[in-house]
Amino acid sequence: MGWYAFDRGKSIGQQGSEDGIIVRDEEHSDGARITLERDGQAAPFAITCGIYGWMVHTRFFDTEFEAQAEFESMRAELARILATLPLAADPDIDAKERVASQLISEFAERFP
């Protein structure tokens, strides 16, 4: 299914985790979420994303243009990582978890 509006768009305009106003909020059917807020405590714009059960990551921006561009880049990379996550019954789960963990580490380095 891919990306869709989180909570059918009901979170837009609500307060986000960085105490800003949510302007974009999307969830992936394979278990991730990415949220863009404006006017938060730490910066004019913030992106918080996570892969459920694996990681949460937040970044801060001065301009909406930069934040929107990075939202797109981060969303694409999150989808790529999701495609590598193993199922619990996967016989190669240990090796696949190591690969997923490495990709998540690289994500955090690429999007500091």
N, C-alpha and C. Protein backbone atom coordinates (compact mmCIF):
# COMPACT_ATOMS: atom_id res chain seq x y z
N MET A 1 0.81 -1.19 0.00
CA MET A 1 0.00 0.00 0.00
C MET A 1 0.85 1.26 0.00
N GLY A 2 1.95 1.30 0.75
CA GLY A 2 2.84 2.46 0.75
C GLY A 2 2.43 3.55 1.73
N TRP A 3 2.73 4.79 1.36
CA TRP A 3 2.49 5.94 2.24
C TRP A 3 1.05 6.44 2.11
N TYR A 4 0.49 6.88 3.22
CA TYR A 4 -0.86 7.46 3.25
C TYR A 4 -0.94 8.44 4.42
N ALA A 5 -1.96 9.28 4.42
CA ALA A 5 -2.14 10.27 5.49
C ALA A 5 -2.36 9.56 6.82
N PHE A 6 -1.56 9.91 7.81
CA PHE A 6 -1.69 9.33 9.14
C PHE A 6 -3.06 9.72 9.73
N ASP A 7 -3.74 8.78 10.33
CA ASP A 7 -5.04 9.00 10.98
C ASP A 7 -6.01 9.75 10.06
N ARG A 8 -5.95 9.41 8.79
CA ARG A 8 -6.83 10.01 7.77
C ARG A 8 -6.73 11.54 7.75
N GLY A 9 -5.54 12.05 8.09
CA GLY A 9 -5.30 13.49 8.04
C GLY A 9 -5.76 14.26 9.27
N LYS A 10 -6.28 13.57 10.26
CA LYS A 10 -6.80 14.24 11.45
C LYS A 10 -5.72 14.90 12.31
N SER A 11 -4.47 14.49 12.13
CA SER A 11 -3.39 15.07 12.93
C SER A 11 -2.93 16.44 12.40
N ILE A 12 -3.24 16.76 11.16
CA ILE A 12 -2.83 18.04 10.58
C ILE A 12 -3.46 19.18 11.40
N GLY A 13 -2.60 20.13 11.78
CA GLY A 13 -3.06 21.25 12.61
C GLY A 13 -2.98 20.98 14.10
N GLN A 14 -2.69 19.74 14.48
CA GLN A 14 -2.57 19.39 15.89
C GLN A 14 -1.13 19.64 16.36
N GLN A 15 -0.92 19.58 17.67
CA GLN A 15 0.42 19.74 18.23
C GLN A 15 1.20 18.44 18.06
N GLY A 16 2.45 18.57 17.61
CA GLY A 16 3.30 17.41 17.40
C GLY A 16 4.25 17.16 18.56
N SER A 17 5.09 16.17 18.40
CA SER A 17 6.02 15.77 19.45
C SER A 17 7.07 16.83 19.76
N GLU A 18 7.32 17.75 18.82
CA GLU A 18 8.28 18.85 19.04
C GLU A 18 7.57 20.14 19.42
N ASP A 19 6.32 20.02 19.86
CA ASP A 19 5.49 21.15 20.30
C ASP A 19 5.19 22.15 19.19
N GLY A 20 5.29 21.71 17.94
CA GLY A 20 4.91 22.55 16.81
C GLY A 20 3.57 22.12 16.27
N ILE A 21 3.16 22.77 15.19
CA ILE A 21 1.91 22.44 14.53
C ILE A 21 2.21 21.48 13.37
N ILE A 22 1.54 20.36 13.33
CA ILE A 22 1.76 19.36 12.29
C ILE A 22 1.23 19.88 10.96
N VAL A 23 2.11 19.88 9.95
CA VAL A 23 1.70 20.31 8.61
C VAL A 23 1.70 19.16 7.60
N ARG A 24 2.45 18.11 7.88
CA ARG A 24 2.45 16.88 7.07
C ARG A 24 2.63 15.72 8.02
N ASP A 25 1.90 14.65 7.77
CA ASP A 25 1.99 13.49 8.65
C ASP A 25 1.58 12.26 7.85
N GLU A 26 2.55 11.39 7.60
CA GLU A 26 2.29 10.22 6.77
C GLU A 26 2.76 8.94 7.47
N GLU A 27 2.06 7.88 7.16
CA GLU A 27 2.38 6.57 7.71
C GLU A 27 2.55 5.59 6.55
N HIS A 28 3.44 4.62 6.74
CA HIS A 28 3.66 3.58 5.73
C HIS A 28 3.01 2.29 6.20
N SER A 29 2.39 1.60 5.29
CA SER A 29 1.68 0.37 5.63
C SER A 29 2.60 -0.72 6.19
N ASP A 30 3.90 -0.62 5.96
CA ASP A 30 4.84 -1.61 6.50
C ASP A 30 5.40 -1.22 7.87
N GLY A 31 4.95 -0.07 8.44
CA GLY A 31 5.31 0.23 9.81
C GLY A 31 6.26 1.39 10.03
N ALA A 32 5.97 2.54 9.45
CA ALA A 32 6.79 3.73 9.69
C ALA A 32 5.89 4.97 9.67
N ARG A 33 6.41 6.04 10.23
CA ARG A 33 5.68 7.32 10.23
C ARG A 33 6.70 8.45 10.09
N ILE A 34 6.29 9.50 9.38
CA ILE A 34 7.12 10.70 9.23
C ILE A 34 6.20 11.92 9.36
N THR A 35 6.64 12.87 10.20
CA THR A 35 5.82 14.03 10.53
C THR A 35 6.64 15.31 10.38
N LEU A 36 6.05 16.31 9.76
CA LEU A 36 6.67 17.63 9.62
C LEU A 36 5.87 18.62 10.45
N GLU A 37 6.58 19.36 11.31
CA GLU A 37 5.95 20.38 12.16
C GLU A 37 6.57 21.74 11.88
N ARG A 38 5.81 22.78 12.15
CA ARG A 38 6.32 24.16 12.07
C ARG A 38 6.15 24.82 13.43
N ASP A 39 7.01 25.80 13.69
CA ASP A 39 6.93 26.61 14.91
C ASP A 39 7.05 25.79 16.19
N GLY A 40 8.00 24.86 16.20
CA GLY A 40 8.23 24.06 17.39
C GLY A 40 9.13 24.76 18.39
N GLN A 41 9.45 24.09 19.47
CA GLN A 41 10.28 24.65 20.53
C GLN A 41 11.73 24.87 20.08
N ALA A 42 12.28 23.92 19.34
CA ALA A 42 13.72 23.95 19.03
C ALA A 42 14.07 24.65 17.72
N ALA A 43 13.13 24.72 16.78
CA ALA A 43 13.44 25.27 15.45
C ALA A 43 12.15 25.62 14.73
N PRO A 44 12.27 26.42 13.68
CA PRO A 44 11.07 26.77 12.90
C PRO A 44 10.37 25.54 12.29
N PHE A 45 11.16 24.51 11.92
CA PHE A 45 10.59 23.30 11.33
C PHE A 45 11.31 22.08 11.89
N ALA A 46 10.56 20.99 12.06
CA ALA A 46 11.13 19.74 12.55
C ALA A 46 10.49 18.58 11.81
N ILE A 47 11.31 17.57 11.55
CA ILE A 47 10.81 16.30 11.01
C ILE A 47 11.13 15.23 12.04
N THR A 48 10.11 14.49 12.43
CA THR A 48 10.29 13.34 13.29
C THR A 48 9.82 12.12 12.51
N CYS A 49 10.65 11.09 12.49
CA CYS A 49 10.27 9.88 11.79
C CYS A 49 10.64 8.67 12.63
N GLY A 50 10.01 7.57 12.30
CA GLY A 50 10.33 6.35 13.01
C GLY A 50 9.91 5.13 12.23
N ILE A 51 10.59 4.05 12.52
CA ILE A 51 10.20 2.73 12.05
C ILE A 51 9.77 1.98 13.30
N TYR A 52 8.52 1.60 13.34
CA TYR A 52 7.94 1.02 14.55
C TYR A 52 8.76 -0.17 15.06
N GLY A 53 9.15 -0.08 16.33
CA GLY A 53 9.93 -1.13 16.96
C GLY A 53 11.42 -1.08 16.67
N TRP A 54 11.86 -0.11 15.84
CA TRP A 54 13.26 -0.06 15.43
C TRP A 54 13.95 1.24 15.78
N MET A 55 13.34 2.39 15.47
CA MET A 55 14.03 3.66 15.67
C MET A 55 13.08 4.83 15.62
N VAL A 56 13.54 5.95 16.22
CA VAL A 56 12.90 7.26 16.11
C VAL A 56 14.02 8.26 15.87
N HIS A 57 13.77 9.22 14.98
CA HIS A 57 14.82 10.18 14.60
C HIS A 57 14.16 11.53 14.34
N THR A 58 14.78 12.60 14.85
CA THR A 58 14.25 13.96 14.65
C THR A 58 15.34 14.86 14.11
N ARG A 59 14.93 15.73 13.17
CA ARG A 59 15.84 16.73 12.59
C ARG A 59 15.16 18.10 12.63
N PHE A 60 15.99 19.15 12.59
CA PHE A 60 15.49 20.51 12.70
C PHE A 60 15.96 21.34 11.51
N PHE A 61 15.11 22.29 11.08
CA PHE A 61 15.38 23.10 9.89
C PHE A 61 14.98 24.54 10.11
N ASP A 62 15.66 25.43 9.39
CA ASP A 62 15.34 26.86 9.45
C ASP A 62 14.27 27.27 8.45
N THR A 63 14.19 26.55 7.31
CA THR A 63 13.24 26.96 6.28
C THR A 63 12.29 25.82 5.92
N GLU A 64 11.10 26.20 5.48
CA GLU A 64 10.12 25.20 5.05
C GLU A 64 10.59 24.51 3.77
N PHE A 65 11.21 25.26 2.88
CA PHE A 65 11.69 24.68 1.63
C PHE A 65 12.64 23.51 1.91
N GLU A 66 13.61 23.74 2.77
CA GLU A 66 14.56 22.68 3.12
C GLU A 66 13.86 21.52 3.81
N ALA A 67 12.96 21.82 4.73
CA ALA A 67 12.25 20.77 5.46
C ALA A 67 11.40 19.92 4.52
N GLN A 68 10.71 20.54 3.58
CA GLN A 68 9.87 19.79 2.64
C GLN A 68 10.73 18.89 1.75
N ALA A 69 11.86 19.41 1.28
CA ALA A 69 12.75 18.61 0.43
C ALA A 69 13.31 17.42 1.20
N GLU A 70 13.72 17.65 2.43
CA GLU A 70 14.27 16.57 3.25
C GLU A 70 13.19 15.56 3.64
N PHE A 71 11.98 16.02 3.84
CA PHE A 71 10.86 15.12 4.12
C PHE A 71 10.76 14.09 3.00
N GLU A 72 10.82 14.55 1.75
CA GLU A 72 10.71 13.65 0.60
C GLU A 72 11.87 12.66 0.57
N SER A 73 13.08 13.15 0.78
CA SER A 73 14.26 12.28 0.76
C SER A 73 14.21 11.25 1.88
N MET A 74 13.84 11.70 3.07
CA MET A 74 13.78 10.79 4.21
C MET A 74 12.69 9.74 4.02
N ARG A 75 11.56 10.17 3.52
CA ARG A 75 10.44 9.24 3.29
C ARG A 75 10.85 8.14 2.32
N ALA A 76 11.54 8.49 1.26
CA ALA A 76 11.99 7.49 0.29
C ALA A 76 12.96 6.51 0.92
N GLU A 77 13.88 7.02 1.73
CA GLU A 77 14.86 6.15 2.37
C GLU A 77 14.20 5.25 3.42
N LEU A 78 13.23 5.77 4.15
CA LEU A 78 12.50 4.94 5.11
C LEU A 78 11.82 3.77 4.40
N ALA A 79 11.20 4.02 3.26
CA ALA A 79 10.54 2.96 2.51
C ALA A 79 11.55 1.90 2.06
N ARG A 80 12.74 2.35 1.67
CA ARG A 80 13.79 1.40 1.26
C ARG A 80 14.20 0.51 2.43
N ILE A 81 14.33 1.11 3.61
CA ILE A 81 14.70 0.33 4.79
C ILE A 81 13.58 -0.64 5.15
N LEU A 82 12.35 -0.19 5.11
CA LEU A 82 11.21 -1.06 5.43
C LEU A 82 11.21 -2.32 4.58
N ALA A 83 11.60 -2.19 3.33
CA ALA A 83 11.61 -3.34 2.42
C ALA A 83 12.62 -4.40 2.83
N THR A 84 13.57 -4.05 3.69
CA THR A 84 14.60 -5.02 4.12
C THR A 84 14.26 -5.69 5.45
N LEU A 85 13.28 -5.18 6.17
CA LEU A 85 13.00 -5.71 7.50
C LEU A 85 12.48 -7.15 7.42
N PRO A 86 13.03 -8.03 8.24
CA PRO A 86 12.60 -9.43 8.20
C PRO A 86 11.30 -9.65 8.96
N LEU A 87 10.58 -10.68 8.56
CA LEU A 87 9.42 -11.13 9.31
C LEU A 87 9.90 -12.00 10.47
N ALA A 88 9.11 -12.10 11.50
CA ALA A 88 9.51 -12.86 12.69
C ALA A 88 9.80 -14.32 12.36
N ALA A 89 9.11 -14.89 11.39
CA ALA A 89 9.29 -16.30 11.05
C ALA A 89 10.39 -16.53 10.01
N ASP A 90 11.08 -15.49 9.60
CA ASP A 90 12.13 -15.61 8.58
C ASP A 90 13.29 -16.44 9.12
N PRO A 91 13.70 -17.49 8.42
CA PRO A 91 14.81 -18.31 8.91
C PRO A 91 16.15 -17.57 8.93
N ASP A 92 16.24 -16.49 8.19
CA ASP A 92 17.46 -15.68 8.14
C ASP A 92 17.32 -14.41 8.97
N ILE A 93 16.50 -14.44 9.99
CA ILE A 93 16.16 -13.22 10.73
C ILE A 93 17.38 -12.53 11.31
N ASP A 94 18.33 -13.28 11.86
CA ASP A 94 19.49 -12.65 12.50
C ASP A 94 20.32 -11.85 11.49
N ALA A 95 20.59 -12.44 10.35
CA ALA A 95 21.37 -11.75 9.32
C ALA A 95 20.61 -10.54 8.79
N LYS A 96 19.32 -10.70 8.57
CA LYS A 96 18.52 -9.60 8.04
C LYS A 96 18.37 -8.47 9.06
N GLU A 97 18.30 -8.81 10.33
CA GLU A 97 18.25 -7.77 11.37
C GLU A 97 19.55 -6.97 11.41
N ARG A 98 20.69 -7.64 11.21
CA ARG A 98 21.97 -6.93 11.16
C ARG A 98 22.00 -5.96 9.98
N VAL A 99 21.50 -6.38 8.83
CA VAL A 99 21.46 -5.52 7.64
C VAL A 99 20.54 -4.32 7.92
N ALA A 100 19.37 -4.58 8.48
CA ALA A 100 18.42 -3.50 8.78
C ALA A 100 19.03 -2.52 9.78
N SER A 101 19.69 -3.03 10.80
CA SER A 101 20.33 -2.15 11.78
C SER A 101 21.41 -1.28 11.14
N GLN A 102 22.17 -1.86 10.23
CA GLN A 102 23.19 -1.09 9.51
C GLN A 102 22.55 0.00 8.66
N LEU A 103 21.47 -0.32 7.96
CA LEU A 103 20.78 0.67 7.14
C LEU A 103 20.21 1.81 8.00
N ILE A 104 19.72 1.47 9.17
CA ILE A 104 19.20 2.50 10.07
C ILE A 104 20.33 3.40 10.56
N SER A 105 21.47 2.82 10.87
CA SER A 105 22.63 3.63 11.27
C SER A 105 23.05 4.56 10.14
N GLU A 106 23.07 4.05 8.94
CA GLU A 106 23.42 4.88 7.78
C GLU A 106 22.40 5.99 7.55
N PHE A 107 21.13 5.70 7.79
CA PHE A 107 20.08 6.70 7.69
C PHE A 107 20.35 7.86 8.65
N ALA A 108 20.67 7.52 9.90
CA ALA A 108 20.93 8.55 10.91
C ALA A 108 22.16 9.39 10.55
N GLU A 109 23.15 8.77 9.93
CA GLU A 109 24.34 9.51 9.49
C GLU A 109 24.03 10.39 8.28
N ARG A 110 23.25 9.88 7.36
CA ARG A 110 22.91 10.64 6.16
C ARG A 110 21.99 11.81 6.46
N PHE A 111 21.12 11.63 7.45
CA PHE A 111 20.14 12.65 7.81
C PHE A 111 20.35 13.09 9.27
N PRO A 112 21.47 13.78 9.54
CA PRO A 112 21.78 14.14 10.94
C PRO A 112 20.85 15.25 11.49
